[in-house]
C-alpha cells in the first residue's frame, strides 16, 4: 500500500506551518504502508495541480491532506468538503476567490473516503485530543480536500482521499494569547496514529460510534 501525505507551506503572516513540518517528520513506512510526502502550495488551483502530478507519478492507494487550523486544540479528520471557495484572506499568490464553485461539474459536496471515526479513536488511544470535524472551512484546505475527492471520483478511482486539520505550533501562539497549540512531536504522533488506522481499516467499514456535534 502507498499513501500520499501532503502538507501546506506557510501562509498569511506565519513563517511556519505545522502541516508540512509534521509531514516531513513522518517515517517512510507506517504499518507496512509506504509513505510518500509532498509539500503543496497554499494556493487555490495550484495546490491541486501539484497533487495531481504526484498522484500520476506514484500510483497511491490513499491521499491524506494535512492543513493548519489555528484556534482548534485537537486533531480533526474532516468528514466533508464543499464545492465552494470563499477566501477570508488571499492565498500565497494573492488570489481571493469569493463565492466561487471549485468544479462546475462536481458534486455540491463530497464525503471523505477515510475511516475518520477510526482515525479519531486511534489518535485518542495515542493519548492525544481528537474529534471528527464537519467543516473544513472555505479556504485552501477545503479546496484541496474537495479537489482530491473530485479527482478520486473522476480520474483516480483507485485512490481514497481525505483531510485532517492540525493545531498551531507553540511558536505560532507566542503573539496570539489564548490560542491553543500542540507540539510538533505530538502532531506527528497523531498523524502516524491516523495513518495506522487508515491501513488497518482498508476495505472495512468505519467504526459505528458517535462522532457528531450539536453545533
N, C-alpha and C. Protein backbone atom coordinates (compact mmCIF):
# COMPACT_ATOMS: atom_id res chain seq x y z
N UNK A 1 0.83 -1.20 0.00
CA UNK A 1 0.00 0.00 0.00
C UNK A 1 0.87 1.25 0.00
N UNK A 2 0.44 2.26 -0.76
CA UNK A 2 1.12 3.55 -0.79
C UNK A 2 0.14 4.64 -0.36
N UNK A 3 0.62 5.54 0.48
CA UNK A 3 -0.20 6.65 0.95
C UNK A 3 0.55 7.95 0.69
N UNK A 4 -0.08 8.85 -0.05
CA UNK A 4 0.47 10.18 -0.28
C UNK A 4 -0.02 11.09 0.85
N UNK A 5 0.90 11.72 1.54
CA UNK A 5 0.55 12.66 2.62
C UNK A 5 1.08 14.04 2.24
N UNK A 6 0.18 14.99 2.12
CA UNK A 6 0.57 16.34 1.73
C UNK A 6 0.48 17.30 2.91
N UNK A 7 1.33 18.33 2.88
CA UNK A 7 1.28 19.38 3.88
C UNK A 7 1.50 20.73 3.21
N UNK A 8 0.74 21.74 3.66
CA UNK A 8 0.84 23.08 3.07
C UNK A 8 2.08 23.82 3.55
N UNK A 9 2.58 24.72 2.71
CA UNK A 9 3.65 25.63 3.11
C UNK A 9 3.05 26.75 3.97
N UNK A 10 3.88 27.56 4.65
CA UNK A 10 3.36 28.65 5.49
C UNK A 10 2.55 29.65 4.68
N UNK A 11 1.57 30.27 5.33
CA UNK A 11 0.75 31.27 4.65
C UNK A 11 0.38 32.39 5.62
N UNK A 12 -0.14 33.46 5.05
CA UNK A 12 -0.52 34.60 5.87
C UNK A 12 0.71 35.23 6.50
N UNK A 13 0.63 35.52 7.78
CA UNK A 13 1.76 36.15 8.48
C UNK A 13 2.70 35.14 9.12
N UNK A 14 2.40 33.86 9.00
CA UNK A 14 3.22 32.83 9.64
C UNK A 14 4.43 32.45 8.80
N UNK A 15 5.51 32.14 9.47
CA UNK A 15 6.73 31.70 8.79
C UNK A 15 6.89 30.19 8.86
N UNK A 16 5.95 29.52 9.52
CA UNK A 16 5.97 28.06 9.58
C UNK A 16 4.54 27.54 9.48
N UNK A 17 4.43 26.29 9.10
CA UNK A 17 3.12 25.64 9.01
C UNK A 17 3.26 24.25 9.62
N UNK A 18 2.51 23.96 10.68
CA UNK A 18 2.64 22.65 11.32
C UNK A 18 2.32 21.49 10.39
N UNK A 19 1.53 21.76 9.36
CA UNK A 19 1.16 20.69 8.43
C UNK A 19 2.39 20.10 7.75
N UNK A 20 3.15 20.93 7.07
CA UNK A 20 4.31 20.40 6.35
C UNK A 20 5.43 20.01 7.30
N UNK A 21 5.57 20.72 8.42
CA UNK A 21 6.62 20.36 9.38
C UNK A 21 6.39 18.95 9.94
N UNK A 22 5.13 18.62 10.23
CA UNK A 22 4.82 17.28 10.73
C UNK A 22 4.96 16.22 9.64
N UNK A 23 4.53 16.55 8.43
CA UNK A 23 4.64 15.60 7.32
C UNK A 23 6.10 15.25 7.08
N UNK A 24 6.98 16.22 7.16
CA UNK A 24 8.40 15.97 6.96
C UNK A 24 8.95 14.97 7.97
N UNK A 25 8.38 14.94 9.17
CA UNK A 25 8.88 14.07 10.24
C UNK A 25 8.26 12.68 10.23
N UNK A 26 7.32 12.41 9.34
CA UNK A 26 6.71 11.09 9.29
C UNK A 26 7.75 10.04 8.86
N UNK A 27 7.66 8.83 9.42
CA UNK A 27 8.52 7.75 8.93
C UNK A 27 8.15 7.39 7.50
N UNK A 28 9.07 6.74 6.82
CA UNK A 28 8.83 6.38 5.42
C UNK A 28 7.90 5.19 5.26
N UNK A 29 7.72 4.44 6.35
CA UNK A 29 6.80 3.30 6.34
C UNK A 29 5.98 3.33 7.63
N UNK A 30 4.69 3.16 7.51
CA UNK A 30 3.79 3.11 8.67
C UNK A 30 2.85 1.92 8.51
N UNK A 31 2.88 1.02 9.47
CA UNK A 31 2.02 -0.17 9.45
C UNK A 31 2.15 -0.94 8.13
N UNK A 32 3.35 -0.94 7.58
CA UNK A 32 3.60 -1.65 6.33
C UNK A 32 3.31 -0.86 5.07
N UNK A 33 2.74 0.34 5.21
CA UNK A 33 2.42 1.17 4.05
C UNK A 33 3.56 2.13 3.75
N UNK A 34 3.86 2.31 2.48
CA UNK A 34 4.87 3.27 2.07
C UNK A 34 4.28 4.68 2.12
N UNK A 35 4.98 5.59 2.78
CA UNK A 35 4.51 6.96 2.95
C UNK A 35 5.27 7.87 1.99
N UNK A 36 4.53 8.54 1.12
CA UNK A 36 5.10 9.50 0.18
C UNK A 36 4.72 10.89 0.65
N UNK A 37 5.71 11.73 0.89
CA UNK A 37 5.49 13.05 1.49
C UNK A 37 5.59 14.14 0.42
N UNK A 38 4.69 15.10 0.50
CA UNK A 38 4.65 16.14 -0.52
C UNK A 38 4.28 17.49 0.09
N UNK A 39 5.09 18.50 -0.16
CA UNK A 39 4.73 19.87 0.20
C UNK A 39 3.94 20.48 -0.93
N UNK A 40 2.81 21.10 -0.60
CA UNK A 40 1.99 21.74 -1.62
C UNK A 40 1.81 23.21 -1.28
N UNK A 41 1.62 24.05 -2.29
CA UNK A 41 1.47 25.49 -2.04
C UNK A 41 0.09 25.84 -1.51
N UNK A 42 0.04 26.82 -0.64
CA UNK A 42 -1.24 27.32 -0.14
C UNK A 42 -1.81 28.27 -1.18
N UNK A 43 -2.21 27.68 -2.29
CA UNK A 43 -2.69 28.43 -3.44
C UNK A 43 -3.86 27.68 -4.07
N UNK A 44 -4.96 28.39 -4.29
CA UNK A 44 -6.10 27.79 -4.99
C UNK A 44 -5.65 27.33 -6.37
N UNK A 45 -6.12 26.16 -6.79
CA UNK A 45 -5.79 25.64 -8.11
C UNK A 45 -4.43 24.99 -8.15
N UNK A 46 -3.38 25.74 -7.85
CA UNK A 46 -2.02 25.22 -7.94
C UNK A 46 -1.80 24.04 -6.99
N UNK A 47 -2.42 24.10 -5.80
CA UNK A 47 -2.27 23.00 -4.85
C UNK A 47 -2.77 21.69 -5.45
N UNK A 48 -3.87 21.76 -6.19
CA UNK A 48 -4.42 20.57 -6.83
C UNK A 48 -3.54 20.09 -7.98
N UNK A 49 -2.96 21.03 -8.72
CA UNK A 49 -2.08 20.66 -9.83
C UNK A 49 -0.87 19.88 -9.33
N UNK A 50 -0.25 20.36 -8.26
CA UNK A 50 0.91 19.69 -7.68
C UNK A 50 0.53 18.30 -7.17
N UNK A 51 -0.63 18.22 -6.53
CA UNK A 51 -1.09 16.93 -6.02
C UNK A 51 -1.40 15.96 -7.16
N UNK A 52 -2.03 16.46 -8.21
CA UNK A 52 -2.34 15.60 -9.35
C UNK A 52 -1.07 15.01 -9.96
N UNK A 53 -0.02 15.81 -10.07
CA UNK A 53 1.25 15.31 -10.59
C UNK A 53 1.77 14.15 -9.75
N UNK A 54 1.66 14.28 -8.43
CA UNK A 54 2.12 13.21 -7.54
C UNK A 54 1.25 11.97 -7.66
N UNK A 55 -0.05 12.15 -7.83
CA UNK A 55 -0.95 11.00 -8.00
C UNK A 55 -0.63 10.26 -9.29
N UNK A 56 -0.33 10.98 -10.34
CA UNK A 56 0.05 10.35 -11.60
C UNK A 56 1.38 9.61 -11.49
N UNK A 57 2.28 10.14 -10.70
CA UNK A 57 3.63 9.59 -10.60
C UNK A 57 3.71 8.37 -9.71
N UNK A 58 2.98 8.35 -8.60
CA UNK A 58 3.25 7.36 -7.56
C UNK A 58 2.24 6.21 -7.47
N UNK A 59 1.10 6.27 -8.14
CA UNK A 59 0.13 5.17 -8.10
C UNK A 59 -0.22 4.80 -6.65
N UNK A 60 -0.75 5.78 -5.92
CA UNK A 60 -1.04 5.56 -4.50
C UNK A 60 -2.44 5.00 -4.29
N UNK A 61 -2.65 4.48 -3.09
CA UNK A 61 -3.97 3.95 -2.71
C UNK A 61 -4.79 4.98 -1.93
N UNK A 62 -4.08 5.81 -1.17
CA UNK A 62 -4.75 6.84 -0.35
C UNK A 62 -3.98 8.15 -0.49
N UNK A 63 -4.72 9.25 -0.31
CA UNK A 63 -4.08 10.55 -0.14
C UNK A 63 -4.70 11.21 1.09
N UNK A 64 -3.83 11.62 2.00
CA UNK A 64 -4.26 12.34 3.20
C UNK A 64 -3.63 13.72 3.17
N UNK A 65 -4.47 14.75 3.02
CA UNK A 65 -4.00 16.13 3.06
C UNK A 65 -4.01 16.61 4.51
N UNK A 66 -2.94 17.30 4.91
CA UNK A 66 -2.84 17.86 6.25
C UNK A 66 -2.81 19.38 6.14
N UNK A 67 -3.60 20.05 6.99
CA UNK A 67 -3.64 21.51 6.96
C UNK A 67 -3.73 22.09 8.37
N UNK A 68 -3.37 23.34 8.49
CA UNK A 68 -3.40 24.06 9.76
C UNK A 68 -4.78 24.63 10.04
N UNK A 69 -5.24 24.45 11.27
CA UNK A 69 -6.49 25.07 11.72
C UNK A 69 -6.22 25.82 13.00
N UNK A 70 -5.71 27.05 12.86
CA UNK A 70 -5.42 27.86 14.03
C UNK A 70 -6.67 28.11 14.85
N UNK A 71 -6.60 27.85 16.15
CA UNK A 71 -7.75 28.01 17.04
C UNK A 71 -8.31 26.69 17.51
N UNK A 72 -8.09 25.62 16.75
CA UNK A 72 -8.52 24.30 17.21
C UNK A 72 -7.46 23.72 18.14
N UNK A 73 -7.92 23.02 19.17
CA UNK A 73 -6.98 22.46 20.14
C UNK A 73 -6.69 20.99 19.87
N UNK A 74 -7.49 20.37 18.98
CA UNK A 74 -7.32 18.93 18.76
C UNK A 74 -7.04 18.62 17.30
N UNK A 75 -6.75 17.36 17.03
CA UNK A 75 -6.54 16.86 15.68
C UNK A 75 -7.89 16.46 15.11
N UNK A 76 -8.22 16.96 13.92
CA UNK A 76 -9.59 16.82 13.44
C UNK A 76 -9.66 16.30 12.00
N UNK A 77 -9.82 15.00 11.83
CA UNK A 77 -10.13 14.48 10.49
C UNK A 77 -11.44 15.08 10.00
N UNK A 78 -11.47 15.47 8.75
CA UNK A 78 -12.63 16.15 8.19
C UNK A 78 -13.59 15.15 7.54
N UNK A 79 -14.89 15.38 7.74
CA UNK A 79 -15.90 14.48 7.19
C UNK A 79 -16.33 14.84 5.77
N UNK A 80 -16.32 16.16 5.44
CA UNK A 80 -16.92 16.58 4.18
C UNK A 80 -16.20 17.80 3.60
N UNK A 81 -16.16 17.88 2.29
CA UNK A 81 -15.64 19.05 1.57
C UNK A 81 -16.75 19.59 0.68
N UNK A 82 -16.89 20.92 0.64
CA UNK A 82 -17.95 21.54 -0.15
C UNK A 82 -17.38 22.21 -1.40
N UNK A 83 -18.23 22.33 -2.41
CA UNK A 83 -17.82 22.87 -3.71
C UNK A 83 -17.89 24.39 -3.70
N UNK A 84 -17.03 24.99 -2.86
CA UNK A 84 -17.08 26.44 -2.70
C UNK A 84 -15.74 26.98 -2.22
N UNK A 85 -15.25 27.99 -2.91
CA UNK A 85 -14.12 28.79 -2.44
C UNK A 85 -14.67 30.13 -1.99
N UNK A 86 -14.35 30.53 -0.74
CA UNK A 86 -14.79 31.81 -0.21
C UNK A 86 -13.71 32.27 0.76
N UNK A 87 -12.68 32.92 0.23
CA UNK A 87 -11.45 33.17 0.97
C UNK A 87 -11.53 34.42 1.85
N UNK A 88 -11.29 34.25 3.13
CA UNK A 88 -11.25 35.39 4.06
C UNK A 88 -10.00 36.22 3.84
N UNK A 89 -8.91 35.54 3.46
CA UNK A 89 -7.64 36.22 3.17
C UNK A 89 -7.12 35.72 1.83
N UNK A 90 -6.21 36.45 1.18
CA UNK A 90 -5.63 35.96 -0.07
C UNK A 90 -4.75 34.74 0.18
N UNK A 91 -4.62 33.88 -0.84
CA UNK A 91 -3.68 32.77 -0.75
C UNK A 91 -2.27 33.30 -1.02
N UNK A 92 -1.31 32.39 -1.11
CA UNK A 92 0.08 32.83 -1.25
C UNK A 92 0.40 33.44 -2.62
N UNK A 93 -0.50 33.34 -3.56
CA UNK A 93 -0.33 34.01 -4.86
C UNK A 93 -1.22 35.24 -4.99
N UNK A 94 -1.87 35.61 -3.90
CA UNK A 94 -2.72 36.79 -3.93
C UNK A 94 -4.14 36.55 -4.40
N UNK A 95 -4.51 35.30 -4.65
CA UNK A 95 -5.88 35.00 -5.10
C UNK A 95 -6.83 35.04 -3.91
N UNK A 96 -7.99 35.62 -4.10
CA UNK A 96 -9.00 35.66 -3.05
C UNK A 96 -10.39 35.44 -3.66
N UNK A 97 -10.68 34.20 -4.08
CA UNK A 97 -11.99 33.93 -4.67
C UNK A 97 -13.10 34.07 -3.63
N UNK A 98 -14.21 34.61 -4.06
CA UNK A 98 -15.36 34.79 -3.18
C UNK A 98 -16.58 34.13 -3.81
N UNK A 99 -17.18 33.21 -3.09
CA UNK A 99 -18.39 32.52 -3.53
C UNK A 99 -18.23 31.91 -4.93
N UNK A 100 -17.11 31.21 -5.13
CA UNK A 100 -16.84 30.57 -6.42
C UNK A 100 -16.88 29.05 -6.29
N UNK A 101 -17.54 28.41 -7.26
CA UNK A 101 -17.53 26.95 -7.29
C UNK A 101 -16.13 26.47 -7.62
N UNK A 102 -15.75 25.35 -7.02
CA UNK A 102 -14.44 24.76 -7.30
C UNK A 102 -14.48 24.01 -8.62
N UNK A 103 -15.52 23.20 -8.83
CA UNK A 103 -15.69 22.43 -10.05
C UNK A 103 -17.13 22.54 -10.53
N UNK A 104 -17.32 23.10 -11.73
CA UNK A 104 -18.67 23.29 -12.24
C UNK A 104 -19.39 21.97 -12.49
N UNK A 105 -18.62 20.91 -12.74
CA UNK A 105 -19.23 19.60 -12.99
C UNK A 105 -19.12 18.68 -11.78
N UNK A 106 -18.73 19.24 -10.64
CA UNK A 106 -18.58 18.42 -9.44
C UNK A 106 -19.83 18.41 -8.59
N UNK A 107 -19.88 17.50 -7.64
CA UNK A 107 -20.99 17.44 -6.69
C UNK A 107 -20.95 18.65 -5.76
N UNK A 108 -22.08 18.94 -5.14
CA UNK A 108 -22.13 20.06 -4.19
C UNK A 108 -21.18 19.81 -3.02
N UNK A 109 -21.01 18.55 -2.69
CA UNK A 109 -20.09 18.17 -1.61
C UNK A 109 -19.66 16.73 -1.81
N UNK A 110 -18.50 16.40 -1.28
CA UNK A 110 -18.02 15.02 -1.27
C UNK A 110 -17.67 14.65 0.17
N UNK A 111 -18.10 13.45 0.56
CA UNK A 111 -17.73 12.95 1.88
C UNK A 111 -16.38 12.25 1.79
N UNK A 112 -15.62 12.33 2.88
CA UNK A 112 -14.32 11.69 2.95
C UNK A 112 -14.42 10.20 2.62
N UNK A 113 -13.35 9.66 2.10
CA UNK A 113 -13.25 8.22 1.85
C UNK A 113 -12.39 7.54 2.91
N UNK A 114 -12.05 8.27 3.96
CA UNK A 114 -11.23 7.74 5.04
C UNK A 114 -12.09 7.35 6.25
N UNK A 115 -11.62 6.41 7.07
CA UNK A 115 -12.36 6.00 8.27
C UNK A 115 -12.14 6.99 9.41
N UNK A 116 -12.82 8.13 9.33
CA UNK A 116 -12.50 9.24 10.24
C UNK A 116 -12.75 8.90 11.71
N UNK A 117 -13.76 8.10 12.00
CA UNK A 117 -14.02 7.76 13.39
C UNK A 117 -12.97 6.80 13.93
N UNK A 118 -12.51 5.89 13.10
CA UNK A 118 -11.40 5.02 13.50
C UNK A 118 -10.12 5.83 13.68
N UNK A 119 -9.92 6.83 12.84
CA UNK A 119 -8.75 7.69 12.96
C UNK A 119 -8.78 8.46 14.28
N UNK A 120 -9.94 9.03 14.61
CA UNK A 120 -10.10 9.76 15.87
C UNK A 120 -9.83 8.84 17.05
N UNK A 121 -10.37 7.64 16.99
CA UNK A 121 -10.17 6.67 18.08
C UNK A 121 -8.69 6.33 18.24
N UNK A 122 -8.01 6.11 17.14
CA UNK A 122 -6.58 5.77 17.19
C UNK A 122 -5.76 6.93 17.77
N UNK A 123 -6.11 8.15 17.39
CA UNK A 123 -5.38 9.32 17.91
C UNK A 123 -5.60 9.45 19.42
N UNK A 124 -6.83 9.24 19.86
CA UNK A 124 -7.12 9.32 21.29
C UNK A 124 -6.38 8.21 22.05
N UNK A 125 -6.31 7.03 21.46
CA UNK A 125 -5.59 5.93 22.10
C UNK A 125 -4.11 6.22 22.20
N UNK A 126 -3.61 7.11 21.35
CA UNK A 126 -2.21 7.55 21.43
C UNK A 126 -2.03 8.65 22.48
N UNK A 127 -3.13 9.02 23.16
CA UNK A 127 -3.06 10.00 24.23
C UNK A 127 -3.17 11.44 23.79
N UNK A 128 -3.80 11.65 22.62
CA UNK A 128 -3.92 13.00 22.07
C UNK A 128 -5.38 13.35 21.82
N UNK A 129 -5.76 14.63 21.95
CA UNK A 129 -7.15 15.03 21.70
C UNK A 129 -7.48 14.99 20.21
N UNK A 130 -8.66 14.51 19.90
CA UNK A 130 -9.09 14.40 18.50
C UNK A 130 -10.60 14.37 18.43
N UNK A 131 -11.14 14.80 17.30
CA UNK A 131 -12.58 14.73 17.06
C UNK A 131 -12.84 14.80 15.57
N UNK A 132 -14.01 14.32 15.16
CA UNK A 132 -14.42 14.44 13.76
C UNK A 132 -14.89 15.88 13.53
N UNK A 133 -14.41 16.50 12.47
CA UNK A 133 -14.85 17.84 12.11
C UNK A 133 -15.81 17.76 10.94
N UNK A 134 -16.83 18.60 10.98
CA UNK A 134 -17.83 18.63 9.91
C UNK A 134 -17.71 19.87 9.03
N UNK A 135 -16.63 20.62 9.18
CA UNK A 135 -16.38 21.73 8.27
C UNK A 135 -14.89 21.92 8.08
N UNK A 136 -14.46 21.88 6.84
CA UNK A 136 -13.06 22.13 6.51
C UNK A 136 -12.83 23.58 6.13
N UNK A 137 -13.83 24.44 6.39
CA UNK A 137 -13.71 25.85 6.06
C UNK A 137 -14.01 26.10 4.59
N UNK A 138 -13.57 27.26 4.09
CA UNK A 138 -13.77 27.60 2.68
C UNK A 138 -12.50 28.18 2.06
N UNK A 139 -11.36 27.90 2.73
CA UNK A 139 -10.07 28.39 2.22
C UNK A 139 -9.39 27.25 1.45
N UNK A 140 -8.09 27.26 1.36
CA UNK A 140 -7.39 26.29 0.53
C UNK A 140 -7.46 24.87 1.10
N UNK A 141 -7.67 24.73 2.40
CA UNK A 141 -7.81 23.39 2.99
C UNK A 141 -9.03 22.67 2.42
N UNK A 142 -10.19 23.33 2.49
CA UNK A 142 -11.39 22.73 1.89
C UNK A 142 -11.18 22.54 0.39
N UNK A 143 -10.52 23.50 -0.24
CA UNK A 143 -10.28 23.45 -1.68
C UNK A 143 -9.53 22.17 -2.07
N UNK A 144 -8.43 21.87 -1.37
CA UNK A 144 -7.64 20.70 -1.76
C UNK A 144 -8.36 19.40 -1.39
N UNK A 145 -9.09 19.41 -0.28
CA UNK A 145 -9.86 18.21 0.06
C UNK A 145 -10.89 17.93 -1.03
N UNK A 146 -11.62 18.99 -1.44
CA UNK A 146 -12.62 18.82 -2.49
C UNK A 146 -11.96 18.38 -3.79
N UNK A 147 -10.87 19.03 -4.16
CA UNK A 147 -10.19 18.70 -5.41
C UNK A 147 -9.73 17.24 -5.42
N UNK A 148 -9.17 16.78 -4.31
CA UNK A 148 -8.69 15.40 -4.26
C UNK A 148 -9.85 14.40 -4.33
N UNK A 149 -10.95 14.72 -3.65
CA UNK A 149 -12.11 13.83 -3.74
C UNK A 149 -12.72 13.86 -5.14
N UNK A 150 -12.72 15.03 -5.77
CA UNK A 150 -13.18 15.13 -7.15
C UNK A 150 -12.31 14.27 -8.05
N UNK A 151 -10.99 14.36 -7.88
CA UNK A 151 -10.08 13.54 -8.69
C UNK A 151 -10.26 12.06 -8.42
N UNK A 152 -10.52 11.71 -7.16
CA UNK A 152 -10.74 10.31 -6.82
C UNK A 152 -11.99 9.76 -7.51
N UNK A 153 -13.00 10.61 -7.67
CA UNK A 153 -14.24 10.20 -8.31
C UNK A 153 -14.17 10.24 -9.84
N UNK A 154 -13.26 11.03 -10.39
CA UNK A 154 -13.27 11.23 -11.84
C UNK A 154 -12.02 10.75 -12.57
N UNK A 155 -10.86 10.81 -11.90
CA UNK A 155 -9.60 10.47 -12.57
C UNK A 155 -8.86 9.28 -11.98
N UNK A 156 -8.94 9.13 -10.67
CA UNK A 156 -8.15 8.13 -9.97
C UNK A 156 -9.07 7.25 -9.11
N UNK A 157 -9.82 6.34 -9.72
CA UNK A 157 -10.79 5.55 -8.97
C UNK A 157 -10.18 4.64 -7.91
N UNK A 158 -8.89 4.37 -8.03
CA UNK A 158 -8.22 3.54 -7.02
C UNK A 158 -7.97 4.31 -5.74
N UNK A 159 -7.86 5.63 -5.84
CA UNK A 159 -7.43 6.45 -4.71
C UNK A 159 -8.61 6.77 -3.78
N UNK A 160 -8.33 6.76 -2.47
CA UNK A 160 -9.29 7.20 -1.47
C UNK A 160 -8.72 8.43 -0.79
N UNK A 161 -9.49 9.51 -0.81
CA UNK A 161 -8.99 10.80 -0.36
C UNK A 161 -9.63 11.27 0.94
N UNK A 162 -8.86 12.08 1.68
CA UNK A 162 -9.37 12.65 2.92
C UNK A 162 -8.43 13.72 3.44
N UNK A 163 -8.84 14.39 4.50
CA UNK A 163 -8.13 15.55 5.01
C UNK A 163 -8.15 15.55 6.53
N UNK A 164 -7.08 16.10 7.14
CA UNK A 164 -7.06 16.28 8.59
C UNK A 164 -6.44 17.62 8.93
N UNK A 165 -7.10 18.36 9.83
CA UNK A 165 -6.58 19.62 10.33
C UNK A 165 -5.77 19.39 11.61
N UNK A 166 -4.76 20.23 11.79
CA UNK A 166 -3.93 20.16 13.00
C UNK A 166 -3.82 21.56 13.60
N UNK A 167 -3.55 21.64 14.92
CA UNK A 167 -3.48 22.95 15.58
C UNK A 167 -2.20 23.71 15.27
N UNK A 168 -2.16 24.95 15.78
CA UNK A 168 -0.94 25.75 15.75
C UNK A 168 0.18 25.03 16.51
N UNK A 169 1.43 25.37 16.17
CA UNK A 169 2.58 25.01 16.97
C UNK A 169 2.75 26.03 18.10
N UNK A 170 3.42 25.65 19.20
CA UNK A 170 3.62 26.62 20.29
C UNK A 170 4.29 27.91 19.83
N UNK A 171 5.25 27.81 18.90
CA UNK A 171 5.94 29.01 18.41
C UNK A 171 4.99 29.99 17.74
N UNK A 172 3.87 29.47 17.21
CA UNK A 172 2.95 30.33 16.49
C UNK A 172 2.00 31.11 17.39
N UNK A 173 1.90 30.72 18.65
CA UNK A 173 0.93 31.37 19.53
C UNK A 173 1.60 32.30 20.55
N UNK A 174 2.90 32.51 20.42
CA UNK A 174 3.61 33.41 21.34
C UNK A 174 2.97 34.79 21.32
N UNK A 175 2.59 35.24 20.12
CA UNK A 175 1.94 36.55 19.99
C UNK A 175 0.44 36.40 19.73
N UNK A 176 -0.11 35.24 20.09
CA UNK A 176 -1.55 35.01 19.95
C UNK A 176 -2.09 34.51 21.30
N UNK A 177 -2.20 35.39 22.28
CA UNK A 177 -2.63 35.00 23.63
C UNK A 177 -3.97 34.24 23.61
N UNK A 178 -4.01 33.14 24.36
CA UNK A 178 -5.24 32.37 24.49
C UNK A 178 -5.46 31.33 23.42
N UNK A 179 -4.63 31.33 22.38
CA UNK A 179 -4.78 30.36 21.31
C UNK A 179 -4.18 29.02 21.72
N UNK A 180 -4.89 27.91 21.44
CA UNK A 180 -4.34 26.59 21.75
C UNK A 180 -3.21 26.22 20.80
N UNK A 181 -2.35 25.32 21.25
CA UNK A 181 -1.24 24.86 20.43
C UNK A 181 -0.91 23.42 20.78
N UNK A 182 -0.18 22.76 19.92
CA UNK A 182 0.25 21.38 20.14
C UNK A 182 1.68 21.25 19.63
N UNK A 183 2.50 20.49 20.32
CA UNK A 183 3.89 20.34 19.93
C UNK A 183 3.99 19.60 18.59
N UNK A 184 5.07 19.87 17.88
CA UNK A 184 5.30 19.19 16.61
C UNK A 184 5.40 17.69 16.80
N UNK A 185 6.02 17.26 17.88
CA UNK A 185 6.12 15.83 18.17
C UNK A 185 4.75 15.19 18.30
N UNK A 186 3.84 15.85 19.04
CA UNK A 186 2.51 15.29 19.24
C UNK A 186 1.68 15.32 17.96
N UNK A 187 1.79 16.40 17.19
CA UNK A 187 1.08 16.44 15.92
C UNK A 187 1.53 15.30 15.02
N UNK A 188 2.83 15.07 14.97
CA UNK A 188 3.37 13.99 14.14
C UNK A 188 2.87 12.64 14.64
N UNK A 189 2.87 12.43 15.96
CA UNK A 189 2.37 11.17 16.52
C UNK A 189 0.90 10.97 16.16
N UNK A 190 0.14 12.05 16.19
CA UNK A 190 -1.27 11.95 15.85
C UNK A 190 -1.49 11.57 14.41
N UNK A 191 -0.70 12.14 13.52
CA UNK A 191 -0.82 11.79 12.10
C UNK A 191 -0.44 10.33 11.88
N UNK A 192 0.61 9.88 12.56
CA UNK A 192 1.01 8.47 12.45
C UNK A 192 -0.14 7.56 12.90
N UNK A 193 -0.77 7.88 14.02
CA UNK A 193 -1.89 7.08 14.51
C UNK A 193 -3.04 7.06 13.51
N UNK A 194 -3.32 8.22 12.91
CA UNK A 194 -4.38 8.30 11.91
C UNK A 194 -4.06 7.43 10.69
N UNK A 195 -2.81 7.47 10.26
CA UNK A 195 -2.40 6.66 9.10
C UNK A 195 -2.44 5.17 9.42
N UNK A 196 -2.09 4.81 10.64
CA UNK A 196 -2.20 3.41 11.05
C UNK A 196 -3.65 2.94 10.97
N UNK A 197 -4.58 3.80 11.39
CA UNK A 197 -6.00 3.44 11.31
C UNK A 197 -6.44 3.28 9.87
N UNK A 198 -5.96 4.14 8.98
CA UNK A 198 -6.30 4.02 7.56
C UNK A 198 -5.86 2.66 7.02
N UNK A 199 -4.66 2.23 7.39
CA UNK A 199 -4.16 0.94 6.92
C UNK A 199 -4.99 -0.20 7.51
N UNK A 200 -5.25 -0.16 8.80
CA UNK A 200 -5.99 -1.23 9.47
C UNK A 200 -7.41 -1.35 8.92
N UNK A 201 -8.03 -0.21 8.60
CA UNK A 201 -9.42 -0.23 8.16
C UNK A 201 -9.56 -0.25 6.64
N UNK A 202 -8.48 -0.47 5.92
CA UNK A 202 -8.56 -0.58 4.47
C UNK A 202 -9.52 -1.70 4.07
N UNK A 203 -10.53 -1.36 3.29
CA UNK A 203 -11.51 -2.34 2.86
C UNK A 203 -12.57 -2.66 3.89
N UNK A 204 -12.57 -1.97 5.02
CA UNK A 204 -13.54 -2.22 6.09
C UNK A 204 -14.42 -0.99 6.30
N UNK A 205 -15.55 -1.21 6.96
CA UNK A 205 -16.42 -0.10 7.33
C UNK A 205 -15.81 0.66 8.51
N UNK A 206 -16.06 1.97 8.55
CA UNK A 206 -15.60 2.78 9.66
C UNK A 206 -16.31 2.35 10.93
N UNK A 207 -15.76 2.72 12.08
CA UNK A 207 -16.39 2.42 13.35
C UNK A 207 -17.77 3.07 13.44
N UNK A 208 -18.73 2.34 13.98
CA UNK A 208 -20.09 2.85 14.15
C UNK A 208 -20.23 3.41 15.56
N UNK A 209 -19.59 4.56 15.77
CA UNK A 209 -19.61 5.21 17.08
C UNK A 209 -19.99 6.67 16.89
N UNK A 210 -20.34 7.32 18.01
CA UNK A 210 -20.73 8.72 17.95
C UNK A 210 -19.55 9.59 17.52
N UNK A 211 -19.80 10.46 16.56
CA UNK A 211 -18.77 11.39 16.12
C UNK A 211 -19.36 12.74 15.76
N UNK A 212 -20.67 12.87 15.95
CA UNK A 212 -21.35 14.09 15.57
C UNK A 212 -21.27 15.17 16.63
N UNK A 213 -21.76 16.36 16.27
CA UNK A 213 -21.75 17.50 17.18
C UNK A 213 -23.11 18.19 17.13
N UNK A 214 -23.43 18.92 18.17
CA UNK A 214 -24.73 19.61 18.21
C UNK A 214 -24.68 20.96 17.50
N UNK A 215 -23.48 21.49 17.28
CA UNK A 215 -23.38 22.79 16.59
C UNK A 215 -21.98 22.94 16.04
